[in-house]
Amino acid sequence: MIFRKATEADIDAVAEIMASASARLGAAGIDQWQRGYPNRSSVEQDVKNGVGMVLSEGDTILVYGAVIFTGEPAYDDLTGGEWLRSGDYACVHRLCTNEIFVGMGFSKHFMLAAEAMAAERVGSIRIDTHPDNKIMQSLIGRLGYTYCGDVVIESRRLAYEKIL
């Protein structure tokens, strides 16, 4: 497996993966990614900004996510708790797994690679998810993230941080 920056050649495949992930969330009754975001334009912007990352095996994209080092404005308004540390951090957004590989642990590999990349530049990594997204909460918990409070991105999100 290779963890690398997404390229323009990856956009079509990633947009399909994202659409499938959105459909999975909707079918599970989770009101996350149900209003047209994220979408192909989100992926195009991630690639343009150099933050789109893929975990791939050969020509097959297993997992996609954006690993951002410029902050997340919504994280400035954390309620019900506090971040573990102040200062620069990385954050992961738009994490989604190729439908064929759901449940095989590849999201964990993506997150571990994102953490390793972040550890070279910052002291912590943050992520948020919908309160009903128990699968993502389970992944975050297994990886040792700490719930820090709530943020609003479309609606209420549970916000987590891990010291690197």
N, C-alpha and C. Protein backbone atom coordinates (compact mmCIF):
# COMPACT_ATOMS: atom_id res chain seq x y z
N MET A 1 0.83 -1.18 0.00
CA MET A 1 0.00 0.00 0.00
C MET A 1 0.88 1.25 0.00
N ILE A 2 0.38 2.25 -0.69
CA ILE A 2 1.10 3.52 -0.78
C ILE A 2 0.18 4.65 -0.32
N PHE A 3 0.71 5.52 0.54
CA PHE A 3 0.03 6.72 0.99
C PHE A 3 0.65 7.87 0.21
N ARG A 4 -0.16 8.57 -0.58
CA ARG A 4 0.40 9.60 -1.45
C ARG A 4 -0.61 10.72 -1.69
N LYS A 5 -0.12 11.82 -2.25
CA LYS A 5 -1.01 12.91 -2.64
C LYS A 5 -1.90 12.45 -3.79
N ALA A 6 -3.15 12.86 -3.72
CA ALA A 6 -4.08 12.60 -4.82
C ALA A 6 -3.70 13.50 -5.99
N THR A 7 -3.93 12.99 -7.19
CA THR A 7 -3.62 13.74 -8.40
C THR A 7 -4.91 13.97 -9.19
N GLU A 8 -4.81 14.78 -10.21
CA GLU A 8 -5.97 15.02 -11.08
C GLU A 8 -6.49 13.71 -11.67
N ALA A 9 -5.60 12.77 -11.93
CA ALA A 9 -6.01 11.48 -12.49
C ALA A 9 -6.86 10.67 -11.51
N ASP A 10 -6.81 11.00 -10.22
CA ASP A 10 -7.56 10.28 -9.19
C ASP A 10 -8.97 10.85 -8.97
N ILE A 11 -9.25 12.03 -9.48
CA ILE A 11 -10.47 12.75 -9.13
C ILE A 11 -11.73 11.95 -9.42
N ASP A 12 -11.84 11.35 -10.61
CA ASP A 12 -13.05 10.59 -10.95
C ASP A 12 -13.29 9.45 -9.96
N ALA A 13 -12.26 8.68 -9.69
CA ALA A 13 -12.39 7.54 -8.77
C ALA A 13 -12.74 8.02 -7.36
N VAL A 14 -12.10 9.08 -6.91
CA VAL A 14 -12.37 9.59 -5.56
C VAL A 14 -13.80 10.13 -5.47
N ALA A 15 -14.26 10.83 -6.51
CA ALA A 15 -15.63 11.35 -6.52
C ALA A 15 -16.63 10.20 -6.41
N GLU A 16 -16.37 9.09 -7.08
CA GLU A 16 -17.24 7.91 -6.98
C GLU A 16 -17.20 7.31 -5.57
N ILE A 17 -16.02 7.21 -5.00
CA ILE A 17 -15.87 6.69 -3.63
C ILE A 17 -16.65 7.57 -2.66
N MET A 18 -16.53 8.87 -2.82
CA MET A 18 -17.22 9.82 -1.95
C MET A 18 -18.74 9.70 -2.09
N ALA A 19 -19.22 9.56 -3.32
CA ALA A 19 -20.66 9.41 -3.56
C ALA A 19 -21.18 8.13 -2.92
N SER A 20 -20.43 7.05 -3.02
CA SER A 20 -20.82 5.79 -2.39
C SER A 20 -20.84 5.91 -0.88
N ALA A 21 -19.85 6.60 -0.33
CA ALA A 21 -19.80 6.80 1.12
C ALA A 21 -21.00 7.62 1.59
N SER A 22 -21.36 8.64 0.84
CA SER A 22 -22.52 9.45 1.16
C SER A 22 -23.79 8.60 1.15
N ALA A 23 -23.92 7.75 0.14
CA ALA A 23 -25.09 6.86 0.04
C ALA A 23 -25.13 5.88 1.22
N ARG A 24 -23.95 5.35 1.62
CA ARG A 24 -23.88 4.44 2.77
C ARG A 24 -24.35 5.12 4.04
N LEU A 25 -23.89 6.36 4.25
CA LEU A 25 -24.29 7.11 5.43
C LEU A 25 -25.81 7.34 5.43
N GLY A 26 -26.34 7.75 4.29
CA GLY A 26 -27.77 7.98 4.18
C GLY A 26 -28.58 6.73 4.43
N ALA A 27 -28.14 5.60 3.87
CA ALA A 27 -28.84 4.33 4.05
C ALA A 27 -28.82 3.88 5.51
N ALA A 28 -27.79 4.31 6.24
CA ALA A 28 -27.68 3.97 7.66
C ALA A 28 -28.45 4.97 8.54
N GLY A 29 -29.10 5.94 7.91
CA GLY A 29 -29.86 6.93 8.66
C GLY A 29 -29.01 8.01 9.29
N ILE A 30 -27.79 8.18 8.80
CA ILE A 30 -26.88 9.19 9.35
C ILE A 30 -26.96 10.44 8.48
N ASP A 31 -27.32 11.55 9.08
CA ASP A 31 -27.50 12.81 8.36
C ASP A 31 -26.16 13.54 8.21
N GLN A 32 -25.22 12.86 7.61
CA GLN A 32 -23.90 13.42 7.34
C GLN A 32 -23.64 13.21 5.86
N TRP A 33 -23.12 14.23 5.20
CA TRP A 33 -22.83 14.18 3.77
C TRP A 33 -24.10 13.97 2.94
N GLN A 34 -25.23 14.50 3.39
CA GLN A 34 -26.50 14.30 2.71
C GLN A 34 -27.02 15.55 2.00
N ARG A 35 -26.22 16.61 1.98
CA ARG A 35 -26.67 17.87 1.37
C ARG A 35 -25.78 18.29 0.19
N GLY A 36 -25.18 17.33 -0.48
CA GLY A 36 -24.36 17.65 -1.65
C GLY A 36 -22.91 17.97 -1.36
N TYR A 37 -22.52 17.89 -0.11
CA TYR A 37 -21.12 18.09 0.28
C TYR A 37 -20.71 16.92 1.13
N PRO A 38 -19.53 16.42 0.96
CA PRO A 38 -18.52 16.77 -0.06
C PRO A 38 -18.90 16.20 -1.42
N ASN A 39 -18.23 16.71 -2.44
CA ASN A 39 -18.55 16.31 -3.81
C ASN A 39 -17.29 16.40 -4.68
N ARG A 40 -17.50 16.23 -5.97
CA ARG A 40 -16.37 16.27 -6.90
C ARG A 40 -15.58 17.58 -6.78
N SER A 41 -16.29 18.67 -6.63
CA SER A 41 -15.64 19.97 -6.50
C SER A 41 -14.74 20.02 -5.26
N SER A 42 -15.19 19.37 -4.19
CA SER A 42 -14.38 19.30 -2.96
C SER A 42 -13.06 18.58 -3.24
N VAL A 43 -13.15 17.49 -3.98
CA VAL A 43 -11.95 16.72 -4.32
C VAL A 43 -11.04 17.53 -5.22
N GLU A 44 -11.61 18.19 -6.22
CA GLU A 44 -10.81 19.02 -7.12
C GLU A 44 -10.05 20.09 -6.33
N GLN A 45 -10.74 20.72 -5.38
CA GLN A 45 -10.10 21.76 -4.56
C GLN A 45 -9.01 21.17 -3.68
N ASP A 46 -9.28 19.98 -3.10
CA ASP A 46 -8.26 19.30 -2.28
C ASP A 46 -7.00 19.02 -3.10
N VAL A 47 -7.19 18.52 -4.31
CA VAL A 47 -6.05 18.21 -5.19
C VAL A 47 -5.30 19.50 -5.53
N LYS A 48 -6.04 20.53 -5.89
CA LYS A 48 -5.43 21.83 -6.22
C LYS A 48 -4.62 22.37 -5.05
N ASN A 49 -5.15 22.21 -3.83
CA ASN A 49 -4.48 22.72 -2.63
C ASN A 49 -3.41 21.78 -2.09
N GLY A 50 -3.27 20.62 -2.69
CA GLY A 50 -2.24 19.67 -2.26
C GLY A 50 -2.55 18.98 -0.95
N VAL A 51 -3.83 18.93 -0.54
CA VAL A 51 -4.19 18.30 0.74
C VAL A 51 -4.91 16.96 0.56
N GLY A 52 -5.35 16.65 -0.64
CA GLY A 52 -6.00 15.36 -0.90
C GLY A 52 -4.98 14.24 -0.86
N MET A 53 -5.30 13.21 -0.09
CA MET A 53 -4.38 12.07 0.05
C MET A 53 -5.13 10.78 -0.23
N VAL A 54 -4.43 9.82 -0.79
CA VAL A 54 -5.02 8.51 -1.03
C VAL A 54 -4.11 7.42 -0.46
N LEU A 55 -4.78 6.36 -0.04
CA LEU A 55 -4.09 5.11 0.27
C LEU A 55 -4.44 4.21 -0.90
N SER A 56 -3.43 3.76 -1.62
CA SER A 56 -3.70 2.97 -2.83
C SER A 56 -2.90 1.68 -2.85
N GLU A 57 -3.42 0.78 -3.64
CA GLU A 57 -2.74 -0.49 -3.93
C GLU A 57 -2.72 -0.60 -5.44
N GLY A 58 -1.55 -0.43 -6.03
CA GLY A 58 -1.49 -0.38 -7.48
C GLY A 58 -2.28 0.81 -7.97
N ASP A 59 -3.17 0.57 -8.94
CA ASP A 59 -4.01 1.65 -9.49
C ASP A 59 -5.32 1.82 -8.73
N THR A 60 -5.53 1.05 -7.69
CA THR A 60 -6.80 1.08 -6.96
C THR A 60 -6.70 1.96 -5.73
N ILE A 61 -7.61 2.91 -5.63
CA ILE A 61 -7.67 3.76 -4.45
C ILE A 61 -8.51 3.04 -3.40
N LEU A 62 -7.91 2.85 -2.23
CA LEU A 62 -8.58 2.17 -1.12
C LEU A 62 -9.31 3.17 -0.23
N VAL A 63 -8.64 4.28 0.08
CA VAL A 63 -9.18 5.29 1.00
C VAL A 63 -8.75 6.67 0.51
N TYR A 64 -9.63 7.64 0.72
CA TYR A 64 -9.33 9.04 0.41
C TYR A 64 -9.60 9.89 1.65
N GLY A 65 -8.83 10.93 1.81
CA GLY A 65 -9.08 11.93 2.85
C GLY A 65 -8.23 13.16 2.59
N ALA A 66 -8.64 14.27 3.18
CA ALA A 66 -7.86 15.50 3.10
C ALA A 66 -7.11 15.65 4.42
N VAL A 67 -5.80 15.88 4.34
CA VAL A 67 -4.97 16.11 5.51
C VAL A 67 -4.50 17.56 5.42
N ILE A 68 -5.04 18.37 6.32
CA ILE A 68 -4.92 19.83 6.23
C ILE A 68 -4.06 20.36 7.38
N PHE A 69 -3.15 21.25 7.05
CA PHE A 69 -2.25 21.84 8.04
C PHE A 69 -2.51 23.33 8.27
N THR A 70 -3.52 23.88 7.61
CA THR A 70 -3.80 25.32 7.72
C THR A 70 -4.93 25.62 8.69
N GLY A 71 -5.35 24.63 9.46
CA GLY A 71 -6.39 24.83 10.46
C GLY A 71 -7.78 24.60 9.91
N GLU A 72 -8.72 24.57 10.81
CA GLU A 72 -10.14 24.43 10.50
C GLU A 72 -10.87 25.51 11.29
N PRO A 73 -11.42 26.53 10.62
CA PRO A 73 -12.07 27.63 11.33
C PRO A 73 -13.13 27.18 12.33
N ALA A 74 -13.89 26.16 12.02
CA ALA A 74 -14.93 25.68 12.94
C ALA A 74 -14.33 25.20 14.26
N TYR A 75 -13.09 24.78 14.24
CA TYR A 75 -12.45 24.28 15.46
C TYR A 75 -12.12 25.41 16.45
N ASP A 76 -12.21 26.65 15.98
CA ASP A 76 -11.99 27.79 16.89
C ASP A 76 -13.16 27.97 17.85
N ASP A 77 -14.30 27.38 17.53
CA ASP A 77 -15.51 27.54 18.34
C ASP A 77 -15.91 26.23 19.00
N LEU A 78 -14.97 25.55 19.61
CA LEU A 78 -15.23 24.31 20.32
C LEU A 78 -16.09 24.61 21.55
N THR A 79 -17.13 23.81 21.76
CA THR A 79 -17.98 23.98 22.94
C THR A 79 -18.01 22.68 23.73
N GLY A 80 -18.24 22.80 25.03
CA GLY A 80 -18.40 21.62 25.88
C GLY A 80 -17.10 20.93 26.25
N GLY A 81 -15.98 21.59 26.04
CA GLY A 81 -14.69 20.98 26.37
C GLY A 81 -13.56 21.87 25.91
N GLU A 82 -12.39 21.28 25.77
CA GLU A 82 -11.24 22.04 25.29
C GLU A 82 -10.29 21.10 24.55
N TRP A 83 -9.54 21.70 23.64
CA TRP A 83 -8.54 20.93 22.91
C TRP A 83 -7.44 20.50 23.86
N LEU A 84 -6.76 19.42 23.52
CA LEU A 84 -5.69 18.90 24.36
C LEU A 84 -4.47 19.82 24.37
N ARG A 85 -4.25 20.51 23.25
CA ARG A 85 -3.11 21.42 23.17
C ARG A 85 -3.46 22.57 22.24
N SER A 86 -2.76 23.67 22.43
CA SER A 86 -2.92 24.80 21.53
C SER A 86 -1.79 24.75 20.51
N GLY A 87 -1.86 25.61 19.55
CA GLY A 87 -0.81 25.64 18.53
C GLY A 87 -1.21 24.94 17.26
N ASP A 88 -0.25 24.77 16.39
CA ASP A 88 -0.50 24.17 15.08
C ASP A 88 -0.93 22.71 15.21
N TYR A 89 -1.79 22.30 14.31
CA TYR A 89 -2.29 20.92 14.27
C TYR A 89 -2.61 20.55 12.83
N ALA A 90 -2.75 19.29 12.60
CA ALA A 90 -3.27 18.80 11.32
C ALA A 90 -4.71 18.39 11.57
N CYS A 91 -5.51 18.38 10.53
CA CYS A 91 -6.85 17.82 10.67
C CYS A 91 -7.16 16.97 9.44
N VAL A 92 -7.99 15.98 9.66
CA VAL A 92 -8.42 15.08 8.58
C VAL A 92 -9.89 15.36 8.32
N HIS A 93 -10.21 15.58 7.06
CA HIS A 93 -11.59 15.76 6.61
C HIS A 93 -11.87 14.84 5.43
N ARG A 94 -13.13 14.59 5.17
CA ARG A 94 -13.60 13.87 3.99
C ARG A 94 -13.03 12.45 3.88
N LEU A 95 -12.83 11.79 5.01
CA LEU A 95 -12.30 10.43 5.01
C LEU A 95 -13.36 9.48 4.49
N CYS A 96 -13.03 8.72 3.47
CA CYS A 96 -13.98 7.75 2.91
C CYS A 96 -13.23 6.56 2.30
N THR A 97 -13.86 5.41 2.42
CA THR A 97 -13.27 4.16 1.96
C THR A 97 -13.98 3.67 0.71
N ASN A 98 -13.22 3.16 -0.22
CA ASN A 98 -13.76 2.53 -1.42
C ASN A 98 -14.75 1.45 -1.00
N GLU A 99 -15.93 1.46 -1.58
CA GLU A 99 -17.02 0.53 -1.25
C GLU A 99 -16.55 -0.92 -1.20
N ILE A 100 -15.68 -1.30 -2.10
CA ILE A 100 -15.20 -2.69 -2.19
C ILE A 100 -14.43 -3.11 -0.94
N PHE A 101 -13.84 -2.12 -0.25
CA PHE A 101 -12.92 -2.43 0.85
C PHE A 101 -13.43 -2.00 2.23
N VAL A 102 -14.70 -1.64 2.31
CA VAL A 102 -15.27 -1.23 3.60
C VAL A 102 -15.16 -2.38 4.60
N GLY A 103 -14.73 -2.04 5.81
CA GLY A 103 -14.63 -3.04 6.88
C GLY A 103 -13.35 -3.85 6.89
N MET A 104 -12.41 -3.50 6.01
CA MET A 104 -11.17 -4.27 5.92
C MET A 104 -9.99 -3.59 6.65
N GLY A 105 -10.24 -2.48 7.31
CA GLY A 105 -9.19 -1.84 8.10
C GLY A 105 -8.32 -0.84 7.37
N PHE A 106 -8.66 -0.52 6.13
CA PHE A 106 -7.80 0.40 5.38
C PHE A 106 -7.91 1.84 5.86
N SER A 107 -9.04 2.22 6.43
CA SER A 107 -9.15 3.58 6.99
C SER A 107 -8.17 3.75 8.15
N LYS A 108 -8.00 2.70 8.92
CA LYS A 108 -7.02 2.75 10.02
C LYS A 108 -5.61 2.97 9.45
N HIS A 109 -5.27 2.26 8.38
CA HIS A 109 -3.95 2.45 7.76
C HIS A 109 -3.79 3.87 7.24
N PHE A 110 -4.85 4.42 6.64
CA PHE A 110 -4.80 5.80 6.16
C PHE A 110 -4.53 6.73 7.33
N MET A 111 -5.28 6.57 8.41
CA MET A 111 -5.12 7.47 9.56
C MET A 111 -3.73 7.36 10.18
N LEU A 112 -3.20 6.16 10.28
CA LEU A 112 -1.85 6.00 10.82
C LEU A 112 -0.81 6.69 9.93
N ALA A 113 -1.00 6.61 8.62
CA ALA A 113 -0.10 7.30 7.70
C ALA A 113 -0.25 8.81 7.82
N ALA A 114 -1.49 9.28 7.97
CA ALA A 114 -1.72 10.72 8.15
C ALA A 114 -1.08 11.21 9.44
N GLU A 115 -1.18 10.41 10.50
CA GLU A 115 -0.56 10.77 11.77
C GLU A 115 0.96 10.85 11.64
N ALA A 116 1.55 9.90 10.93
CA ALA A 116 3.00 9.91 10.74
C ALA A 116 3.43 11.15 9.96
N MET A 117 2.67 11.50 8.93
CA MET A 117 2.97 12.68 8.15
C MET A 117 2.83 13.93 9.03
N ALA A 118 1.77 13.98 9.82
CA ALA A 118 1.52 15.15 10.68
C ALA A 118 2.59 15.28 11.76
N ALA A 119 3.04 14.15 12.30
CA ALA A 119 4.02 14.18 13.39
C ALA A 119 5.33 14.86 12.97
N GLU A 120 5.60 14.87 11.67
CA GLU A 120 6.81 15.53 11.18
C GLU A 120 6.69 17.05 11.20
N ARG A 121 5.44 17.55 11.30
CA ARG A 121 5.22 19.00 11.16
C ARG A 121 4.54 19.66 12.34
N VAL A 122 3.69 18.93 13.05
CA VAL A 122 2.88 19.54 14.13
C VAL A 122 2.81 18.59 15.32
N GLY A 123 2.22 19.07 16.40
CA GLY A 123 2.17 18.27 17.62
C GLY A 123 0.91 17.47 17.85
N SER A 124 -0.12 17.73 17.02
CA SER A 124 -1.36 16.98 17.21
C SER A 124 -2.15 16.90 15.91
N ILE A 125 -3.17 16.04 15.94
CA ILE A 125 -4.05 15.88 14.80
C ILE A 125 -5.48 15.85 15.31
N ARG A 126 -6.38 16.50 14.57
CA ARG A 126 -7.78 16.60 14.96
C ARG A 126 -8.69 16.03 13.87
N ILE A 127 -9.86 15.62 14.30
CA ILE A 127 -10.86 15.08 13.39
C ILE A 127 -12.22 15.26 14.04
N ASP A 128 -13.26 15.34 13.22
CA ASP A 128 -14.61 15.43 13.77
C ASP A 128 -15.52 14.48 12.99
N THR A 129 -16.65 14.15 13.61
CA THR A 129 -17.62 13.29 12.94
C THR A 129 -19.02 13.55 13.50
N HIS A 130 -20.00 13.10 12.76
CA HIS A 130 -21.40 13.24 13.14
C HIS A 130 -21.69 12.39 14.38
N PRO A 131 -22.54 12.85 15.29
CA PRO A 131 -22.85 12.07 16.50
C PRO A 131 -23.41 10.68 16.22
N ASP A 132 -24.04 10.48 15.07
CA ASP A 132 -24.60 9.17 14.74
C ASP A 132 -23.63 8.25 13.99
N ASN A 133 -22.47 8.76 13.62
CA ASN A 133 -21.52 7.97 12.84
C ASN A 133 -20.66 7.12 13.79
N LYS A 134 -21.25 6.04 14.25
CA LYS A 134 -20.60 5.17 15.24
C LYS A 134 -19.38 4.45 14.66
N ILE A 135 -19.39 4.18 13.37
CA ILE A 135 -18.25 3.51 12.74
C ILE A 135 -17.02 4.41 12.83
N MET A 136 -17.17 5.69 12.49
CA MET A 136 -16.04 6.61 12.58
C MET A 136 -15.63 6.82 14.03
N GLN A 137 -16.60 6.93 14.93
CA GLN A 137 -16.26 7.09 16.34
C GLN A 137 -15.47 5.89 16.86
N SER A 138 -15.82 4.71 16.40
CA SER A 138 -15.11 3.50 16.81
C SER A 138 -13.66 3.55 16.30
N LEU A 139 -13.48 3.92 15.04
CA LEU A 139 -12.13 4.03 14.47
C LEU A 139 -11.31 5.04 15.26
N ILE A 140 -11.87 6.20 15.51
CA ILE A 140 -11.17 7.25 16.23
C ILE A 140 -10.78 6.76 17.63
N GLY A 141 -11.70 6.08 18.29
CA GLY A 141 -11.42 5.55 19.62
C GLY A 141 -10.31 4.52 19.62
N ARG A 142 -10.34 3.60 18.66
CA ARG A 142 -9.30 2.56 18.57
C ARG A 142 -7.92 3.16 18.32
N LEU A 143 -7.89 4.33 17.68
CA LEU A 143 -6.62 4.97 17.36
C LEU A 143 -6.13 5.88 18.50
N GLY A 144 -6.89 5.97 19.58
CA GLY A 144 -6.43 6.72 20.74
C GLY A 144 -6.75 8.20 20.75
N TYR A 145 -7.73 8.63 19.97
CA TYR A 145 -8.14 10.03 19.99
C TYR A 145 -8.99 10.29 21.22
N THR A 146 -8.96 11.53 21.69
CA THR A 146 -9.71 11.96 22.86
C THR A 146 -10.83 12.90 22.41
N TYR A 147 -12.05 12.63 22.88
CA TYR A 147 -13.16 13.54 22.61
C TYR A 147 -12.90 14.84 23.36
N CYS A 148 -12.98 15.97 22.63
CA CYS A 148 -12.65 17.26 23.23
C CYS A 148 -13.83 18.21 23.34
N GLY A 149 -14.92 17.94 22.65
CA GLY A 149 -16.08 18.82 22.67
C GLY A 149 -16.78 18.77 21.32
N ASP A 150 -17.65 19.75 21.09
CA ASP A 150 -18.44 19.80 19.87
C ASP A 150 -18.06 21.01 19.02
N VAL A 151 -18.19 20.85 17.71
CA VAL A 151 -18.05 21.94 16.75
C VAL A 151 -19.25 21.88 15.82
N VAL A 152 -19.45 22.95 15.06
CA VAL A 152 -20.54 22.96 14.08
C VAL A 152 -19.94 23.02 12.69
N ILE A 153 -20.17 21.97 11.93
CA ILE A 153 -19.82 21.91 10.51
C ILE A 153 -21.06 21.32 9.84
N GLU A 154 -21.88 22.13 9.22
CA GLU A 154 -23.22 21.80 8.75
C GLU A 154 -24.18 21.65 9.93
N SER A 155 -23.80 20.83 10.87
CA SER A 155 -24.57 20.62 12.10
C SER A 155 -23.58 20.19 13.18
N ARG A 156 -24.08 19.77 14.31
CA ARG A 156 -23.21 19.38 15.41
C ARG A 156 -22.28 18.23 15.01
N ARG A 157 -21.01 18.36 15.37
CA ARG A 157 -20.01 17.32 15.17
C ARG A 157 -19.25 17.09 16.46
N LEU A 158 -18.89 15.85 16.70
CA LEU A 158 -18.04 15.50 17.82
C LEU A 158 -16.59 15.71 17.38
N ALA A 159 -15.83 16.42 18.18
CA ALA A 159 -14.46 16.79 17.80
C ALA A 159 -13.46 16.04 18.68
N TYR A 160 -12.42 15.53 18.05
CA TYR A 160 -11.41 14.70 18.72
C TYR A 160 -10.01 15.22 18.39
N GLU A 161 -9.09 14.91 19.29
CA GLU A 161 -7.69 15.26 19.06
C GLU A 161 -6.79 14.16 19.59
N LYS A 162 -5.64 14.03 18.96
CA LYS A 162 -4.62 13.08 19.41
C LYS A 162 -3.29 13.80 19.42
N ILE A 163 -2.58 13.70 20.54
CA ILE A 163 -1.23 14.24 20.61
C ILE A 163 -0.29 13.28 19.89
N LEU A 164 0.57 13.83 19.06
CA LEU A 164 1.48 12.99 18.27
C LEU A 164 2.84 12.88 18.93
